[in-house]
C-alpha cells in the first residue's frame, strides 16, 4: 500500500535528523582506529544486528541468487566505496566544501535515474536542487572563499565528487531492488554485510590493523552509527527511494548539513552567521519546492 504524504514527510524528516547528527558521532570515531576499519565495523555490526533480528522474528527469507549481484553492487557503492572516497577527500578539505560537493547528489541522482532507470528529467526537480546547492554554498561561503586550486585540494574535491557519484549509483541500484519488491530492511542487511566484507578486505590489503578502540566514546558512537545511523536511517532512506524516487530522496543531502550545524551550535559553540541564515532559507526553500509537488 502506498504511503501517505504525511508518512513520507515524517520519514524524510527523521532521516534528515539522524544523518545530520551522525557527523558529530563520526568525530568520536577518529583517532585510534583507521577510518576504513571503523566504517567496516559500523556496517558489519549493523548488518549482523538486522540479520539476528530477522531470524529471531521469523521474518528472514533467503533472497534469490539472481538478485545477489545487485545487492553486492548496492553494498559496494552505498555502504563502502563512496565512504572511502569521501573520507579520503575530507582529510584535505573543510567540511563545508565536502557538504557542497555531496549536495550535488541531487543532480547526479537525477541524471543517473534518467540513464539507468529511464526516469524522466524534471526541470522542477533540477531547479529545486540548484536552489538548495546555492544555499549550501552560501552557508559555507567563508570556507569556499578560502579555497585554492592547489593540487592537494583539487585532488580532494575530485575524490569527494567520485564518492558522490558512487553514492548516486548506489541509490539507483537500491531503486532497482525496490522495483523488484525486495524488502528494504533485508536488502540493506545483505548490502551492508557485502560492504563491510569489502572494507575489511581493503584494510587487509592496505595493512590497516583491524582493531577496536575500547573507549566509551568510540563504542558509544559505533553503536549509534550502526543501529541508528545505518540500520534505521538507510531503511528509511531506501524506502523513500521506492516511494518518491532517487531524485527527491537525495534532497536529504541538502538538509543534513543544517542539522549538523545546529548540533554544533548546541554542543560545540558554533556561531550562526548571516551567511548560514540566508543559506538555510535557500535550502529549506529548495526542499519545499521539491517535496511540495508529486
C-alpha atoms as a PDB file:
ATOM      1  CA  UNK A   1       0.000   0.000   0.000  1.00  0.00           C
ATOM      2  CA  UNK A   2       1.467   3.398  -0.992  1.00  0.00           C
ATOM      3  CA  UNK A   3       2.478   5.678   1.863  1.00  0.00           C
ATOM      4  CA  UNK A   4       0.569   8.861   2.600  1.00  0.00           C
ATOM      5  CA  UNK A   5       2.190  12.263   2.049  1.00  0.00           C
ATOM      6  CA  UNK A   6       2.360  12.743   5.839  1.00  0.00           C
ATOM      7  CA  UNK A   7       4.126   9.397   6.314  1.00  0.00           C
ATOM      8  CA  UNK A   8       6.674  10.266   3.621  1.00  0.00           C
ATOM      9  CA  UNK A   9       7.292  13.673   5.218  1.00  0.00           C
ATOM     10  CA  UNK A  10       7.840  12.102   8.645  1.00  0.00           C
ATOM     11  CA  UNK A  11      10.211   9.505   7.171  1.00  0.00           C
ATOM     12  CA  UNK A  12      12.064  12.262   5.335  1.00  0.00           C
ATOM     13  CA  UNK A  13      12.390  14.457   8.442  1.00  0.00           C
ATOM     14  CA  UNK A  14      13.551  11.612  10.698  1.00  0.00           C
ATOM     15  CA  UNK A  15      16.203  10.540   8.167  1.00  0.00           C
ATOM     16  CA  UNK A  16      17.491  14.126   7.925  1.00  0.00           C
ATOM     17  CA  UNK A  17      17.696  14.426  11.714  1.00  0.00           C
ATOM     18  CA  UNK A  18      19.533  11.119  12.071  1.00  0.00           C
ATOM     19  CA  UNK A  19      22.087  11.708   9.331  1.00  0.00           C
ATOM     20  CA  UNK A  20      22.587  15.314  10.431  1.00  0.00           C
ATOM     21  CA  UNK A  21      23.574  14.014  13.867  1.00  0.00           C
ATOM     22  CA  UNK A  22      25.967  11.347  12.577  1.00  0.00           C
ATOM     23  CA  UNK A  23      28.659  13.936  11.754  1.00  0.00           C
ATOM     24  CA  UNK A  24      29.067  14.598  15.462  1.00  0.00           C
ATOM     25  CA  UNK A  25      29.254  10.864  16.184  1.00  0.00           C
ATOM     26  CA  UNK A  26      31.816  10.338  13.412  1.00  0.00           C
ATOM     27  CA  UNK A  27      34.182  12.801  15.114  1.00  0.00           C
ATOM     28  CA  UNK A  28      34.252  10.451  18.118  1.00  0.00           C
ATOM     29  CA  UNK A  29      35.456   7.658  15.819  1.00  0.00           C
ATOM     30  CA  UNK A  30      38.607   9.457  14.738  1.00  0.00           C
ATOM     31  CA  UNK A  31      41.926   8.664  16.379  1.00  0.00           C
ATOM     32  CA  UNK A  32      42.934   5.102  17.247  1.00  0.00           C
ATOM     33  CA  UNK A  33      41.160   3.092  14.541  1.00  0.00           C
ATOM     34  CA  UNK A  34      41.711   3.731  10.822  1.00  0.00           C
ATOM     35  CA  UNK A  35      38.546   5.270   9.277  1.00  0.00           C
ATOM     36  CA  UNK A  36      38.200   2.436   6.731  1.00  0.00           C
ATOM     37  CA  UNK A  37      38.197  -0.113   9.561  1.00  0.00           C
ATOM     38  CA  UNK A  38      35.711   1.966  11.558  1.00  0.00           C
ATOM     39  CA  UNK A  39      33.333   2.099   8.589  1.00  0.00           C
ATOM     40  CA  UNK A  40      33.688  -1.675   8.213  1.00  0.00           C
ATOM     41  CA  UNK A  41      32.862  -2.154  11.908  1.00  0.00           C
ATOM     42  CA  UNK A  42      29.838   0.135  11.510  1.00  0.00           C
ATOM     43  CA  UNK A  43      28.235  -1.787   8.665  1.00  0.00           C
ATOM     44  CA  UNK A  44      29.268  -5.232   9.905  1.00  0.00           C
ATOM     45  CA  UNK A  45      27.553  -4.566  13.239  1.00  0.00           C
ATOM     46  CA  UNK A  46      24.510  -3.035  11.520  1.00  0.00           C
ATOM     47  CA  UNK A  47      24.142  -5.969   9.124  1.00  0.00           C
ATOM     48  CA  UNK A  48      24.558  -8.602  11.846  1.00  0.00           C
ATOM     49  CA  UNK A  49      22.022  -6.901  14.139  1.00  0.00           C
ATOM     50  CA  UNK A  50      19.420  -6.813  11.354  1.00  0.00           C
ATOM     51  CA  UNK A  51      20.176 -10.431  10.413  1.00  0.00           C
ATOM     52  CA  UNK A  52      19.737 -11.558  14.013  1.00  0.00           C
ATOM     53  CA  UNK A  53      16.526  -9.563  14.353  1.00  0.00           C
ATOM     54  CA  UNK A  54      15.073 -11.056  11.171  1.00  0.00           C
ATOM     55  CA  UNK A  55      15.952 -14.596  12.274  1.00  0.00           C
ATOM     56  CA  UNK A  56      14.550 -14.183  15.803  1.00  0.00           C
ATOM     57  CA  UNK A  57      11.334 -12.619  14.480  1.00  0.00           C
ATOM     58  CA  UNK A  58      10.905 -15.328  11.856  1.00  0.00           C
ATOM     59  CA  UNK A  59      10.982 -12.752   9.045  1.00  0.00           C
ATOM     60  CA  UNK A  60      14.232 -13.860   7.416  1.00  0.00           C
ATOM     61  CA  UNK A  61      13.723 -15.024   3.840  1.00  0.00           C
ATOM     62  CA  UNK A  62      16.536 -16.091   1.504  1.00  0.00           C
ATOM     63  CA  UNK A  63      16.933 -13.718  -1.438  1.00  0.00           C
ATOM     64  CA  UNK A  64      17.132 -15.333  -4.876  1.00  0.00           C
ATOM     65  CA  UNK A  65      20.591 -15.752  -6.380  1.00  0.00           C
ATOM     66  CA  UNK A  66      19.687 -13.581  -9.385  1.00  0.00           C
ATOM     67  CA  UNK A  67      19.421 -10.582  -7.040  1.00  0.00           C
ATOM     68  CA  UNK A  68      22.702 -11.172  -5.203  1.00  0.00           C
ATOM     69  CA  UNK A  69      24.896  -9.364  -7.732  1.00  0.00           C
ATOM     70  CA  UNK A  70      22.727  -6.263  -7.367  1.00  0.00           C
ATOM     71  CA  UNK A  71      22.826  -6.492  -3.573  1.00  0.00           C
ATOM     72  CA  UNK A  72      26.616  -6.817  -3.752  1.00  0.00           C
ATOM     73  CA  UNK A  73      26.702  -3.769  -6.032  1.00  0.00           C
ATOM     74  CA  UNK A  74      24.483  -1.842  -3.620  1.00  0.00           C
ATOM     75  CA  UNK A  75      26.838  -2.739  -0.784  1.00  0.00           C
ATOM     76  CA  UNK A  76      29.918  -1.805  -2.791  1.00  0.00           C
ATOM     77  CA  UNK A  77      28.529   1.572  -3.877  1.00  0.00           C
ATOM     78  CA  UNK A  78      26.341   2.665  -0.970  1.00  0.00           C
ATOM     79  CA  UNK A  79      27.992   1.078   2.074  1.00  0.00           C
ATOM     80  CA  UNK A  80      31.703   1.064   1.293  1.00  0.00           C
ATOM     81  CA  UNK A  81      33.161   2.627  -1.864  1.00  0.00           C
ATOM     82  CA  UNK A  82      31.550   6.048  -1.518  1.00  0.00           C
ATOM     83  CA  UNK A  83      32.697   6.320   2.111  1.00  0.00           C
ATOM     84  CA  UNK A  84      36.315   5.555   1.211  1.00  0.00           C
ATOM     85  CA  UNK A  85      36.466   8.348  -1.371  1.00  0.00           C
ATOM     86  CA  UNK A  86      34.601  10.913   0.730  1.00  0.00           C
ATOM     87  CA  UNK A  87      36.635  10.181   3.886  1.00  0.00           C
ATOM     88  CA  UNK A  88      39.832  10.450   1.824  1.00  0.00           C
ATOM     89  CA  UNK A  89      38.759  13.823   0.445  1.00  0.00           C
ATOM     90  CA  UNK A  90      37.616  15.084   3.845  1.00  0.00           C
ATOM     91  CA  UNK A  91      41.156  14.696   5.187  1.00  0.00           C
ATOM     92  CA  UNK A  92      42.282  17.625   2.971  1.00  0.00           C
ATOM     93  CA  UNK A  93      39.096  19.716   2.650  1.00  0.00           C
ATOM     94  CA  UNK A  94      36.976  21.766   5.061  1.00  0.00           C
ATOM     95  CA  UNK A  95      33.720  20.028   5.946  1.00  0.00           C
ATOM     96  CA  UNK A  96      31.774  22.847   4.301  1.00  0.00           C
ATOM     97  CA  UNK A  97      33.270  22.162   0.894  1.00  0.00           C
ATOM     98  CA  UNK A  98      32.606  18.446   1.335  1.00  0.00           C
ATOM     99  CA  UNK A  99      28.950  19.289   2.020  1.00  0.00           C
ATOM    100  CA  UNK A 100      28.774  21.420  -1.122  1.00  0.00           C
ATOM    101  CA  UNK A 101      30.222  18.630  -3.269  1.00  0.00           C
ATOM    102  CA  UNK A 102      27.977  15.998  -1.673  1.00  0.00           C
ATOM    103  CA  UNK A 103      24.905  18.176  -2.225  1.00  0.00           C
ATOM    104  CA  UNK A 104      25.473  17.661  -5.954  1.00  0.00           C
ATOM    105  CA  UNK A 105      23.909  14.230  -5.427  1.00  0.00           C
ATOM    106  CA  UNK A 106      20.572  15.901  -6.187  1.00  0.00           C
ATOM    107  CA  UNK A 107      21.771  16.432  -9.761  1.00  0.00           C
ATOM    108  CA  UNK A 108      23.786  13.222 -10.140  1.00  0.00           C
ATOM    109  CA  UNK A 109      20.834  11.152  -8.884  1.00  0.00           C
ATOM    110  CA  UNK A 110      18.546  12.776 -11.427  1.00  0.00           C
ATOM    111  CA  UNK A 111      20.982  12.115 -14.281  1.00  0.00           C
ATOM    112  CA  UNK A 112      21.720   8.531 -13.158  1.00  0.00           C
ATOM    113  CA  UNK A 113      17.985   7.843 -12.824  1.00  0.00           C
ATOM    114  CA  UNK A 114      17.487   9.008 -16.388  1.00  0.00           C
ATOM    115  CA  UNK A 115      20.388   6.968 -17.769  1.00  0.00           C
ATOM    116  CA  UNK A 116      19.876   3.698 -15.887  1.00  0.00           C
ATOM    117  CA  UNK A 117      16.163   3.637 -14.986  1.00  0.00           C
ATOM    118  CA  UNK A 118      14.723   5.783 -17.803  1.00  0.00           C
ATOM    119  CA  UNK A 119      13.207   8.147 -15.224  1.00  0.00           C
ATOM    120  CA  UNK A 120      12.028  11.448 -16.715  1.00  0.00           C
ATOM    121  CA  UNK A 121      14.176  14.538 -16.305  1.00  0.00           C
ATOM    122  CA  UNK A 122      12.318  17.250 -14.423  1.00  0.00           C
ATOM    123  CA  UNK A 123      13.264  20.927 -14.696  1.00  0.00           C
ATOM    124  CA  UNK A 124      11.346  21.421 -11.460  1.00  0.00           C
ATOM    125  CA  UNK A 125      13.497  18.933  -9.543  1.00  0.00           C
ATOM    126  CA  UNK A 126      16.656  20.256 -11.162  1.00  0.00           C
ATOM    127  CA  UNK A 127      15.833  23.888 -10.355  1.00  0.00           C
ATOM    128  CA  UNK A 128      14.924  22.988  -6.768  1.00  0.00           C
ATOM    129  CA  UNK A 129      18.231  21.142  -6.430  1.00  0.00           C
ATOM    130  CA  UNK A 130      20.188  24.111  -7.759  1.00  0.00           C
ATOM    131  CA  UNK A 131      18.459  26.422  -5.254  1.00  0.00           C
ATOM    132  CA  UNK A 132      19.432  24.048  -2.453  1.00  0.00           C
ATOM    133  CA  UNK A 133      23.015  23.744  -3.700  1.00  0.00           C
ATOM    134  CA  UNK A 134      23.340  27.535  -3.823  1.00  0.00           C
ATOM    135  CA  UNK A 135      22.049  27.605  -0.254  1.00  0.00           C
ATOM    136  CA  UNK A 136      24.707  25.124   0.874  1.00  0.00           C
ATOM    137  CA  UNK A 137      27.300  27.242  -0.940  1.00  0.00           C
ATOM    138  CA  UNK A 138      26.123  30.385   0.870  1.00  0.00           C
ATOM    139  CA  UNK A 139      26.235  28.662   4.277  1.00  0.00           C
ATOM    140  CA  UNK A 140      29.870  27.719   3.723  1.00  0.00           C
ATOM    141  CA  UNK A 141      30.848  30.818   1.731  1.00  0.00           C
ATOM    142  CA  UNK A 142      33.803  31.713   4.015  1.00  0.00           C
ATOM    143  CA  UNK A 143      35.339  28.265   3.524  1.00  0.00           C
ATOM    144  CA  UNK A 144      34.728  28.395  -0.227  1.00  0.00           C
ATOM    145  CA  UNK A 145      36.354  31.828  -0.450  1.00  0.00           C
ATOM    146  CA  UNK A 146      39.452  30.444   1.252  1.00  0.00           C
ATOM    147  CA  UNK A 147      39.631  27.535  -1.198  1.00  0.00           C
ATOM    148  CA  UNK A 148      42.535  27.472  -3.648  1.00  0.00           C
ATOM    149  CA  UNK A 149      43.072  25.158  -6.578  1.00  0.00           C
ATOM    150  CA  UNK A 150      46.226  23.635  -5.151  1.00  0.00           C
ATOM    151  CA  UNK A 151      46.926  20.082  -6.312  1.00  0.00           C
ATOM    152  CA  UNK A 152      46.087  18.612  -2.901  1.00  0.00           C
ATOM    153  CA  UNK A 153      42.783  20.470  -2.564  1.00  0.00           C
ATOM    154  CA  UNK A 154      41.749  19.835  -6.148  1.00  0.00           C
ATOM    155  CA  UNK A 155      42.501  16.132  -5.814  1.00  0.00           C
ATOM    156  CA  UNK A 156      40.472  16.029  -2.589  1.00  0.00           C
ATOM    157  CA  UNK A 157      37.488  17.649  -4.332  1.00  0.00           C
ATOM    158  CA  UNK A 158      37.734  15.103  -7.134  1.00  0.00           C
ATOM    159  CA  UNK A 159      37.754  12.276  -4.575  1.00  0.00           C
ATOM    160  CA  UNK A 160      34.646  13.712  -2.888  1.00  0.00           C
ATOM    161  CA  UNK A 161      32.898  14.050  -6.245  1.00  0.00           C
ATOM    162  CA  UNK A 162      33.743  10.435  -7.133  1.00  0.00           C
ATOM    163  CA  UNK A 163      32.308   9.391  -3.760  1.00  0.00           C
ATOM    164  CA  UNK A 164      29.143  11.387  -4.504  1.00  0.00           C
ATOM    165  CA  UNK A 165      28.785   9.718  -7.909  1.00  0.00           C
ATOM    166  CA  UNK A 166      29.233   6.280  -6.333  1.00  0.00           C
ATOM    167  CA  UNK A 167      26.525   7.101  -3.780  1.00  0.00           C
ATOM    168  CA  UNK A 168      24.212   8.133  -6.627  1.00  0.00           C
ATOM    169  CA  UNK A 169      24.830   4.869  -8.446  1.00  0.00           C
ATOM    170  CA  UNK A 170      24.148   3.047  -5.173  1.00  0.00           C
ATOM    171  CA  UNK A 171      20.823   4.870  -4.948  1.00  0.00           C
ATOM    172  CA  UNK A 172      19.947   3.722  -8.461  1.00  0.00           C
ATOM    173  CA  UNK A 173      20.775   0.107  -7.599  1.00  0.00           C
ATOM    174  CA  UNK A 174      18.654   0.433  -4.450  1.00  0.00           C
ATOM    175  CA  UNK A 175      15.792   1.797  -6.571  1.00  0.00           C
ATOM    176  CA  UNK A 176      16.160  -1.201  -8.882  1.00  0.00           C
ATOM    177  CA  UNK A 177      15.996  -3.566  -5.903  1.00  0.00           C
ATOM    178  CA  UNK A 178      12.869  -1.787  -4.659  1.00  0.00           C
ATOM    179  CA  UNK A 179      11.293  -2.226  -8.098  1.00  0.00           C
ATOM    180  CA  UNK A 180      11.951  -5.937  -7.736  1.00  0.00           C
ATOM    181  CA  UNK A 181       9.961  -5.784  -4.473  1.00  0.00           C
ATOM    182  CA  UNK A 182      12.917  -6.735  -2.288  1.00  0.00           C
ATOM    183  CA  UNK A 183      12.260  -5.817   1.346  1.00  0.00           C
ATOM    184  CA  UNK A 184      14.334  -2.672   2.124  1.00  0.00           C
ATOM    185  CA  UNK A 185      15.471  -3.891   5.550  1.00  0.00           C
ATOM    186  CA  UNK A 186      16.654  -7.271   4.302  1.00  0.00           C
ATOM    187  CA  UNK A 187      18.263  -5.966   1.111  1.00  0.00           C
ATOM    188  CA  UNK A 188      20.096  -3.319   3.160  1.00  0.00           C
ATOM    189  CA  UNK A 189      21.268  -6.011   5.567  1.00  0.00           C
ATOM    190  CA  UNK A 190      22.794  -8.087   2.771  1.00  0.00           C
ATOM    191  CA  UNK A 191      24.291  -4.985   1.146  1.00  0.00           C
ATOM    192  CA  UNK A 192      25.826  -3.856   4.452  1.00  0.00           C
ATOM    193  CA  UNK A 193      27.456  -7.237   5.013  1.00  0.00           C
ATOM    194  CA  UNK A 194      28.824  -7.204   1.468  1.00  0.00           C
ATOM    195  CA  UNK A 195      30.086  -3.652   2.003  1.00  0.00           C
ATOM    196  CA  UNK A 196      31.700  -4.485   5.360  1.00  0.00           C
ATOM    197  CA  UNK A 197      33.432  -7.546   3.878  1.00  0.00           C
ATOM    198  CA  UNK A 198      34.793  -5.368   1.055  1.00  0.00           C
ATOM    199  CA  UNK A 199      36.118  -2.792   3.523  1.00  0.00           C
ATOM    200  CA  UNK A 200      37.796  -5.450   5.676  1.00  0.00           C
ATOM    201  CA  UNK A 201      39.429  -6.817   2.501  1.00  0.00           C
ATOM    202  CA  UNK A 202      40.689  -3.322   1.608  1.00  0.00           C
ATOM    203  CA  UNK A 203      42.011  -2.920   5.160  1.00  0.00           C
ATOM    204  CA  UNK A 204      43.974  -6.171   4.919  1.00  0.00           C
ATOM    205  CA  UNK A 205      45.424  -5.205   1.534  1.00  0.00           C
ATOM    206  CA  UNK A 206      46.377  -1.710   2.771  1.00  0.00           C
ATOM    207  CA  UNK A 207      47.793  -3.035   6.036  1.00  0.00           C
ATOM    208  CA  UNK A 208      45.328  -1.244   8.311  1.00  0.00           C
ATOM    209  CA  UNK A 209      45.089  -3.021  11.695  1.00  0.00           C
ATOM    210  CA  UNK A 210      41.605  -4.437  12.252  1.00  0.00           C
ATOM    211  CA  UNK A 211      41.210  -3.346  15.861  1.00  0.00           C
ATOM    212  CA  UNK A 212      38.677  -1.750  18.213  1.00  0.00           C
ATOM    213  CA  UNK A 213      39.015   1.297  20.428  1.00  0.00           C
ATOM    214  CA  UNK A 214      37.511   0.183  23.754  1.00  0.00           C
ATOM    215  CA  UNK A 215      36.827   3.713  24.980  1.00  0.00           C
ATOM    216  CA  UNK A 216      33.249   4.616  25.921  1.00  0.00           C
ATOM    217  CA  UNK A 217      33.190   7.403  23.305  1.00  0.00           C
ATOM    218  CA  UNK A 218      34.247   5.129  20.457  1.00  0.00           C
ATOM    219  CA  UNK A 219      31.961   2.222  21.364  1.00  0.00           C
ATOM    220  CA  UNK A 220      29.011   4.542  22.040  1.00  0.00           C
ATOM    221  CA  UNK A 221      29.429   6.322  18.715  1.00  0.00           C
ATOM    222  CA  UNK A 222      29.869   2.988  16.937  1.00  0.00           C
ATOM    223  CA  UNK A 223      26.573   1.728  18.362  1.00  0.00           C
ATOM    224  CA  UNK A 224      24.796   4.940  17.366  1.00  0.00           C
ATOM    225  CA  UNK A 225      26.239   4.974  13.857  1.00  0.00           C
ATOM    226  CA  UNK A 226      25.468   1.278  13.354  1.00  0.00           C
ATOM    227  CA  UNK A 227      21.990   0.975  14.840  1.00  0.00           C
ATOM    228  CA  UNK A 228      20.557   4.455  14.271  1.00  0.00           C
ATOM    229  CA  UNK A 229      22.699   5.981  11.523  1.00  0.00           C
ATOM    230  CA  UNK A 230      22.794   2.791   9.433  1.00  0.00           C
ATOM    231  CA  UNK A 231      20.030   0.300  10.297  1.00  0.00           C
ATOM    232  CA  UNK A 232      17.258   2.846  10.846  1.00  0.00           C
ATOM    233  CA  UNK A 233      18.343   5.698   8.548  1.00  0.00           C
ATOM    234  CA  UNK A 234      19.192   3.558   5.500  1.00  0.00           C
ATOM    235  CA  UNK A 235      15.966   1.586   5.960  1.00  0.00           C
ATOM    236  CA  UNK A 236      14.018   4.852   5.902  1.00  0.00           C
ATOM    237  CA  UNK A 237      16.081   6.256   3.029  1.00  0.00           C
ATOM    238  CA  UNK A 238      15.761   3.226   0.749  1.00  0.00           C
ATOM    239  CA  UNK A 239      12.031   3.152   1.493  1.00  0.00           C
ATOM    240  CA  UNK A 240      11.866   6.807   0.417  1.00  0.00           C
ATOM    241  CA  UNK A 241      13.720   5.984  -2.804  1.00  0.00           C
ATOM    242  CA  UNK A 242      10.998   3.464  -3.586  1.00  0.00           C
ATOM    243  CA  UNK A 243       8.248   5.969  -2.712  1.00  0.00           C
ATOM    244  CA  UNK A 244       9.426   9.269  -4.232  1.00  0.00           C
ATOM    245  CA  UNK A 245      12.334   8.225  -6.472  1.00  0.00           C
ATOM    246  CA  UNK A 246      16.098   8.764  -6.117  1.00  0.00           C
ATOM    247  CA  UNK A 247      16.000  12.435  -7.178  1.00  0.00           C
ATOM    248  CA  UNK A 248      13.638  13.669  -4.462  1.00  0.00           C
ATOM    249  CA  UNK A 249      15.098  11.331  -1.829  1.00  0.00           C
ATOM    250  CA  UNK A 250      18.537  12.847  -2.420  1.00  0.00           C
ATOM    251  CA  UNK A 251      17.345  16.225  -1.104  1.00  0.00           C
ATOM    252  CA  UNK A 252      18.210  14.792   2.295  1.00  0.00           C
ATOM    253  CA  UNK A 253      21.855  15.566   1.381  1.00  0.00           C
ATOM    254  CA  UNK A 254      20.966  19.277   1.334  1.00  0.00           C
ATOM    255  CA  UNK A 255      19.370  19.343   4.780  1.00  0.00           C
ATOM    256  CA  UNK A 256      21.794  17.228   6.803  1.00  0.00           C
ATOM    257  CA  UNK A 257      24.494  19.989   6.961  1.00  0.00           C
ATOM    258  CA  UNK A 258      21.922  22.327   8.540  1.00  0.00           C
ATOM    259  CA  UNK A 259      21.129  19.776  11.246  1.00  0.00           C
ATOM    260  CA  UNK A 260      24.862  19.203  11.745  1.00  0.00           C
ATOM    261  CA  UNK A 261      25.453  22.958  12.181  1.00  0.00           C
ATOM    262  CA  UNK A 262      22.564  23.217  14.658  1.00  0.00           C
ATOM    263  CA  UNK A 263      24.022  20.386  16.749  1.00  0.00           C
ATOM    264  CA  UNK A 264      27.434  22.047  16.525  1.00  0.00           C
ATOM    265  CA  UNK A 265      25.904  25.305  17.782  1.00  0.00           C
ATOM    266  CA  UNK A 266      24.346  23.485  20.742  1.00  0.00           C
ATOM    267  CA  UNK A 267      27.301  21.280  21.679  1.00  0.00           C
ATOM    268  CA  UNK A 268      30.423  22.870  20.206  1.00  0.00           C
ATOM    269  CA  UNK A 269      29.814  26.621  20.364  1.00  0.00           C
ATOM    270  CA  UNK A 270      29.282  27.206  16.631  1.00  0.00           C
ATOM    271  CA  UNK A 271      28.029  30.766  15.991  1.00  0.00           C
ATOM    272  CA  UNK A 272      25.328  31.263  13.352  1.00  0.00           C
ATOM    273  CA  UNK A 273      26.236  33.883  10.756  1.00  0.00           C
ATOM    274  CA  UNK A 274      24.268  35.881   8.194  1.00  0.00           C
ATOM    275  CA  UNK A 275      25.653  33.523   5.526  1.00  0.00           C
ATOM    276  CA  UNK A 276      24.338  30.498   7.449  1.00  0.00           C
ATOM    277  CA  UNK A 277      20.906  32.070   7.923  1.00  0.00           C
ATOM    278  CA  UNK A 278      20.462  33.069   4.252  1.00  0.00           C
ATOM    279  CA  UNK A 279      21.792  29.702   3.079  1.00  0.00           C
ATOM    280  CA  UNK A 280      19.438  27.826   5.386  1.00  0.00           C
ATOM    281  CA  UNK A 281      16.444  29.742   3.992  1.00  0.00           C
ATOM    282  CA  UNK A 282      17.522  28.835   0.430  1.00  0.00           C
ATOM    283  CA  UNK A 283      17.994  25.151   1.300  1.00  0.00           C
ATOM    284  CA  UNK A 284      14.602  24.962   3.008  1.00  0.00           C
ATOM    285  CA  UNK A 285      13.032  26.770   0.055  1.00  0.00           C
ATOM    286  CA  UNK A 286      14.574  24.305  -2.390  1.00  0.00           C
ATOM    287  CA  UNK A 287      13.284  21.375  -0.364  1.00  0.00           C
ATOM    288  CA  UNK A 288       9.821  22.913  -0.169  1.00  0.00           C
ATOM    289  CA  UNK A 289       9.749  23.328  -3.946  1.00  0.00           C
ATOM    290  CA  UNK A 290      10.923  19.760  -4.478  1.00  0.00           C
ATOM    291  CA  UNK A 291       8.707  17.972  -1.966  1.00  0.00           C
ATOM    292  CA  UNK A 292       5.684  20.199  -2.469  1.00  0.00           C
ATOM    293  CA  UNK A 293       4.946  18.605  -5.852  1.00  0.00           C
ATOM    294  CA  UNK A 294       4.407  14.958  -6.712  1.00  0.00           C
END
